Amino acid sequence: MSQINAIELKSEGKYLQDLWQQYTLHKSIELRNEIVLQYTDLVKKIVLRFKGSYSNFGQLDDMVNQGIIALIDAVEKFEPEKGNKFETYASIKIRGAVIDFMRKQDWVPRSQRNLVKELDETYHELYSEYGYEPSKQQIADRMGKTLLNLEKILQQRHNSIILSFEETINEKMMTAIPLIADDNDKNLPEQEILYEELKEKLIEAIDQLKEKERLVVSLYYYENLKLKEIAEILRITESRVSQIHSAAIMKMKNKLVHY
């Protein structure tokens, strides 16, 4: 990073800090709107992540609008004096708003939702019976499907599975992160412990994935790459990445659902 860029970043950070201080004191709409403007890229980043997964969902502007509304609410309710990071708090609220909006659109056909539900229930059922991760063949046999049909379900139902997982994670985060708690809640230390436990559970769930599944999850969630970009890196088809991703998310969700 050049010296000029470093100075610019430092200047921007100081400006934002001053904005928060002034807004905390005066709570004016003008100051609130200026803070919102500083974080609009956060909304776009989150929405584009969803957009990259949901190729059948075209209402990008509506998703951004929902994210902006959630961002405004986050700014109004955030308490900087607690020393927490605003980006974390706002991201959870924005993600939640986008997920709610997408659910209300009912864009996934009922038949697809039913197949995803059946797939999840079958996986949980077999996992409970065997005490270990069931194979694809075992899942296919229990569902009365061929292995080829199961692969197609994993690929075609990718969007539904990911959305379901996003909901699960967001729900856990809303419960665990202290900033999301009711202002009158006095059990903040307990919630901080829950948040740390949630992170540990996520790490544990990822560690138990197969090597290629861990790589796909890492590239998608940490590097924010699209499925097409991951396919190019791994030199496999995009549909295969989708299958791997879906299988990984199903396993992670199974680990988290009982937490």
Protein backbone atom coordinates (compact mmCIF):
# COMPACT_ATOMS: atom_id res chain seq x y z
CA MET A 1 0.00 0.00 0.00
CA SER A 2 1.40 3.41 -0.93
CA GLN A 3 1.92 6.16 1.62
CA ILE A 4 -0.81 8.26 -0.05
CA ASN A 5 -3.34 5.42 0.17
CA ALA A 6 -2.47 4.84 3.81
CA ILE A 7 -3.03 8.52 4.58
CA GLU A 8 -6.34 8.48 2.72
CA LEU A 9 -7.54 5.42 4.66
CA LYS A 10 -6.51 6.99 7.94
CA SER A 11 -8.32 10.20 7.00
CA GLU A 12 -11.48 8.29 6.07
CA GLY A 13 -11.36 6.40 9.35
CA LYS A 14 -11.02 9.62 11.34
CA TYR A 15 -13.92 11.17 9.42
CA LEU A 16 -16.15 8.20 10.16
CA GLN A 17 -15.15 8.22 13.81
CA ASP A 18 -16.02 11.91 14.04
CA LEU A 19 -19.37 11.25 12.35
CA TRP A 20 -20.25 8.62 14.93
CA GLN A 21 -19.28 10.93 17.78
CA GLN A 22 -21.42 13.75 16.42
CA TYR A 23 -24.35 11.44 15.70
CA THR A 24 -24.20 9.97 19.22
CA LEU A 25 -24.49 13.48 20.62
CA HIS A 26 -27.07 15.00 18.28
CA LYS A 27 -28.92 12.08 16.61
CA SER A 28 -29.71 14.25 13.58
CA ILE A 29 -31.12 12.72 10.40
CA GLU A 30 -28.45 14.46 8.34
CA LEU A 31 -25.63 12.83 10.31
CA ARG A 32 -27.40 9.46 10.20
CA ASN A 33 -27.75 9.66 6.44
CA GLU A 34 -24.09 10.55 6.05
CA ILE A 35 -23.08 7.49 8.09
CA VAL A 36 -25.39 5.33 5.97
CA LEU A 37 -23.66 6.63 2.84
CA GLN A 38 -20.31 5.52 4.26
CA TYR A 39 -21.56 1.94 4.56
CA THR A 40 -23.54 1.50 1.32
CA ASP A 41 -20.72 -0.63 -0.10
CA LEU A 42 -21.31 -3.09 2.75
CA VAL A 43 -24.92 -3.51 1.61
CA LYS A 44 -23.90 -4.01 -2.01
CA LYS A 45 -21.24 -6.54 -1.04
CA ILE A 46 -23.74 -8.63 0.94
CA VAL A 47 -26.43 -8.44 -1.74
CA LEU A 48 -24.00 -9.36 -4.51
CA ARG A 49 -22.93 -12.40 -2.51
CA PHE A 50 -26.54 -13.55 -2.51
CA LYS A 51 -26.97 -12.59 -6.14
CA GLY A 52 -24.00 -14.75 -7.04
CA SER A 53 -25.74 -17.75 -5.51
CA TYR A 54 -29.25 -17.10 -6.69
CA SER A 55 -28.98 -16.78 -10.44
CA ASN A 56 -32.77 -17.19 -10.79
CA PHE A 57 -33.45 -14.20 -8.59
CA GLY A 58 -33.36 -10.93 -10.51
CA GLN A 59 -34.68 -8.22 -8.19
CA LEU A 60 -31.27 -6.86 -7.31
CA ASP A 61 -32.46 -3.28 -6.74
CA ASP A 62 -35.17 -4.46 -4.34
CA MET A 63 -32.62 -6.49 -2.40
CA VAL A 64 -30.33 -3.46 -2.12
CA ASN A 65 -33.26 -1.32 -0.92
CA GLN A 66 -34.07 -3.82 1.80
CA GLY A 67 -30.42 -3.82 2.81
CA ILE A 68 -30.33 -0.03 3.01
CA ILE A 69 -33.44 0.01 5.22
CA ALA A 70 -31.76 -2.51 7.53
CA LEU A 71 -28.58 -0.39 7.49
CA ILE A 72 -30.51 2.72 8.56
CA ASP A 73 -32.08 0.76 11.41
CA ALA A 74 -28.64 -0.54 12.43
CA VAL A 75 -27.18 2.97 12.53
CA GLU A 76 -30.06 4.22 14.67
CA LYS A 77 -29.76 1.38 17.18
CA PHE A 78 -25.99 0.98 17.32
CA GLU A 79 -24.17 2.00 20.50
CA PRO A 80 -20.49 2.82 19.73
CA GLU A 81 -19.62 3.24 23.41
CA LYS A 82 -19.89 -0.52 23.89
CA GLY A 83 -16.71 -0.85 21.86
CA ASN A 84 -18.10 -3.36 19.38
CA LYS A 85 -17.65 -3.36 15.62
CA PHE A 86 -20.49 -1.75 13.68
CA GLU A 87 -19.79 -3.75 10.51
CA THR A 88 -20.51 -7.02 12.32
CA TYR A 89 -23.77 -5.75 13.79
CA ALA A 90 -24.94 -4.17 10.54
CA SER A 91 -23.99 -7.19 8.43
CA ILE A 92 -26.23 -9.48 10.47
CA LYS A 93 -29.18 -7.12 10.21
CA ILE A 94 -28.65 -6.59 6.47
CA ARG A 95 -28.34 -10.32 5.80
CA GLY A 96 -31.47 -10.98 7.83
CA ALA A 97 -33.45 -8.36 5.92
CA VAL A 98 -32.35 -9.72 2.52
CA ILE A 99 -33.14 -13.30 3.56
CA ASP A 100 -36.60 -12.27 4.79
CA PHE A 101 -37.26 -10.41 1.55
CA MET A 102 -36.25 -13.38 -0.58
CA ARG A 103 -38.40 -15.74 1.47
CA LYS A 104 -41.42 -13.48 0.98
CA GLN A 105 -40.94 -13.60 -2.79
CA ASP A 106 -41.56 -17.35 -2.66
CA TRP A 107 -39.20 -17.72 -5.63
CA VAL A 108 -38.38 -21.38 -4.96
CA PRO A 109 -41.06 -23.76 -6.36
CA ARG A 110 -42.87 -25.81 -3.71
CA SER A 111 -41.67 -29.05 -5.30
CA GLN A 112 -38.04 -27.93 -4.87
CA ARG A 113 -38.60 -26.92 -1.25
CA ASN A 114 -40.19 -30.29 -0.54
CA LEU A 115 -37.22 -32.14 -2.05
CA VAL A 116 -34.76 -30.06 -0.03
CA LYS A 117 -36.75 -30.73 3.14
CA GLU A 118 -36.83 -34.45 2.37
CA LEU A 119 -33.09 -34.43 1.69
CA ASP A 120 -32.35 -32.69 5.02
CA GLU A 121 -34.65 -34.97 6.99
CA THR A 122 -33.17 -38.08 5.38
CA TYR A 123 -29.64 -36.95 6.15
CA HIS A 124 -30.49 -36.20 9.81
CA GLU A 125 -32.36 -39.51 10.13
CA LEU A 126 -29.50 -41.60 8.75
CA TYR A 127 -26.92 -39.66 10.76
CA SER A 128 -28.86 -40.39 13.96
CA GLU A 129 -29.20 -44.07 13.07
CA TYR A 130 -25.60 -44.70 12.06
CA GLY A 131 -23.80 -42.19 14.25
CA TYR A 132 -21.68 -41.11 11.30
CA GLU A 133 -22.05 -39.27 8.01
CA PRO A 134 -24.19 -41.31 5.60
CA SER A 135 -22.93 -41.88 2.07
CA LYS A 136 -24.71 -40.47 -0.95
CA GLN A 137 -25.75 -43.99 -1.90
CA GLN A 138 -27.35 -44.54 1.51
CA ILE A 139 -29.21 -41.24 1.22
CA ALA A 140 -30.36 -42.06 -2.30
CA ASP A 141 -31.54 -45.52 -1.25
CA ARG A 142 -33.54 -44.14 1.70
CA MET A 143 -35.15 -41.49 -0.52
CA GLY A 144 -35.92 -44.05 -3.21
CA LYS A 145 -33.78 -42.17 -5.74
CA THR A 146 -30.93 -43.20 -7.98
CA LEU A 147 -27.48 -41.80 -7.21
CA LEU A 148 -27.70 -39.78 -10.42
CA ASN A 149 -31.02 -38.27 -9.30
CA LEU A 150 -29.54 -37.39 -5.93
CA GLU A 151 -26.63 -35.60 -7.62
CA LYS A 152 -29.15 -33.60 -9.68
CA ILE A 153 -31.10 -32.69 -6.53
CA LEU A 154 -27.91 -31.47 -4.84
CA GLN A 155 -27.09 -29.36 -7.88
CA GLN A 156 -30.55 -28.01 -8.68
CA ARG A 157 -31.51 -27.39 -5.07
CA HIS A 158 -28.31 -25.51 -4.32
CA ASN A 159 -30.10 -22.18 -3.90
CA SER A 160 -32.66 -23.53 -1.45
CA ILE A 161 -30.05 -25.28 0.66
CA ILE A 162 -27.81 -22.23 0.81
CA LEU A 163 -30.69 -19.94 1.75
CA SER A 164 -31.74 -22.36 4.48
CA PHE A 165 -28.17 -22.43 5.79
CA GLU A 166 -27.91 -18.63 5.68
CA GLU A 167 -31.12 -18.46 7.75
CA THR A 168 -29.72 -20.93 10.29
CA ILE A 169 -26.46 -19.00 10.69
CA ASN A 170 -28.19 -15.63 10.90
CA GLU A 171 -30.64 -16.94 13.47
CA LYS A 172 -27.81 -18.28 15.65
CA MET A 173 -25.88 -15.01 15.29
CA MET A 174 -28.92 -12.94 16.22
CA THR A 175 -29.22 -14.96 19.42
CA ALA A 176 -25.56 -15.04 20.33
CA ILE A 177 -24.08 -11.65 19.51
CA PRO A 178 -24.38 -9.21 22.43
CA LEU A 179 -25.19 -6.24 20.19
CA ILE A 180 -28.37 -7.90 18.94
CA ALA A 181 -29.66 -8.36 22.47
CA ASP A 182 -32.47 -6.35 23.95
CA ASP A 183 -31.14 -3.18 25.55
CA ASN A 184 -32.63 -4.28 28.87
CA ASP A 185 -30.91 -7.67 28.79
CA LYS A 186 -28.33 -7.87 31.56
CA ASN A 187 -26.78 -11.19 30.44
CA LEU A 188 -24.25 -9.76 28.00
CA PRO A 189 -21.30 -11.86 29.32
CA GLU A 190 -23.38 -15.00 28.77
CA GLN A 191 -24.16 -13.92 25.21
CA GLU A 192 -20.48 -13.26 24.53
CA ILE A 193 -19.80 -16.85 25.59
CA LEU A 194 -22.55 -18.07 23.24
CA TYR A 195 -20.98 -16.10 20.40
CA GLU A 196 -17.58 -17.68 21.02
CA GLU A 197 -19.20 -21.12 21.20
CA LEU A 198 -20.95 -20.49 17.89
CA LYS A 199 -17.64 -19.64 16.23
CA GLU A 200 -16.11 -22.82 17.67
CA LYS A 201 -19.03 -24.89 16.37
CA LEU A 202 -18.62 -23.39 12.91
CA ILE A 203 -14.88 -24.15 12.92
CA GLU A 204 -15.58 -27.67 14.14
CA ALA A 205 -18.19 -28.22 11.43
CA ILE A 206 -15.81 -26.99 8.73
CA ASP A 207 -12.93 -29.13 10.04
CA GLN A 208 -15.06 -32.25 9.70
CA LEU A 209 -15.73 -31.64 6.01
CA LYS A 210 -13.82 -33.44 3.29
CA GLU A 211 -10.82 -31.60 1.87
CA LYS A 212 -12.55 -30.43 -1.32
CA GLU A 213 -15.65 -29.39 0.63
CA ARG A 214 -13.52 -27.31 3.01
CA LEU A 215 -11.80 -25.66 0.06
CA VAL A 216 -15.10 -24.78 -1.65
CA VAL A 217 -16.55 -23.37 1.61
CA SER A 218 -13.38 -21.35 2.19
CA LEU A 219 -13.32 -19.90 -1.32
CA TYR A 220 -17.03 -19.09 -1.25
CA TYR A 221 -17.44 -17.63 2.23
CA TYR A 222 -13.99 -16.23 3.02
CA GLU A 223 -12.72 -15.26 -0.43
CA ASN A 224 -16.25 -14.29 -1.63
CA LEU A 225 -15.74 -16.06 -4.95
CA LYS A 226 -18.65 -17.06 -7.16
CA LEU A 227 -19.28 -20.69 -8.05
CA LYS A 228 -18.05 -20.08 -11.59
CA GLU A 229 -14.75 -18.66 -10.29
CA ILE A 230 -14.31 -21.59 -7.90
CA ALA A 231 -14.94 -24.00 -10.77
CA GLU A 232 -12.16 -22.36 -12.78
CA ILE A 233 -9.73 -22.61 -9.85
CA LEU A 234 -10.51 -26.27 -9.14
CA ARG A 235 -10.76 -27.12 -12.86
CA ILE A 236 -14.14 -28.78 -12.48
CA THR A 237 -17.58 -27.86 -13.77
CA GLU A 238 -19.73 -25.25 -12.06
CA SER A 239 -22.43 -27.86 -11.49
CA ARG A 240 -19.89 -30.05 -9.66
CA VAL A 241 -18.92 -27.11 -7.43
CA SER A 242 -22.62 -26.61 -6.73
CA GLN A 243 -22.96 -30.26 -5.69
CA ILE A 244 -19.91 -30.09 -3.41
CA HIS A 245 -21.12 -26.83 -1.91
CA SER A 246 -24.61 -28.19 -1.26
CA ALA A 247 -23.25 -31.35 0.36
CA ALA A 248 -20.92 -29.32 2.59
CA ILE A 249 -23.67 -26.94 3.69
CA MET A 250 -26.03 -29.83 4.45
CA LYS A 251 -23.40 -31.37 6.74
CA MET A 252 -22.61 -28.05 8.45
CA LYS A 253 -26.28 -27.31 8.99
CA ASN A 254 -26.72 -30.73 10.58
CA LYS A 255 -23.94 -29.88 13.05
CA LEU A 256 -25.43 -26.47 13.90
CA VAL A 257 -29.12 -27.27 14.02
CA HIS A 258 -28.83 -28.95 17.41
CA TYR A 259 -26.61 -26.22 18.89
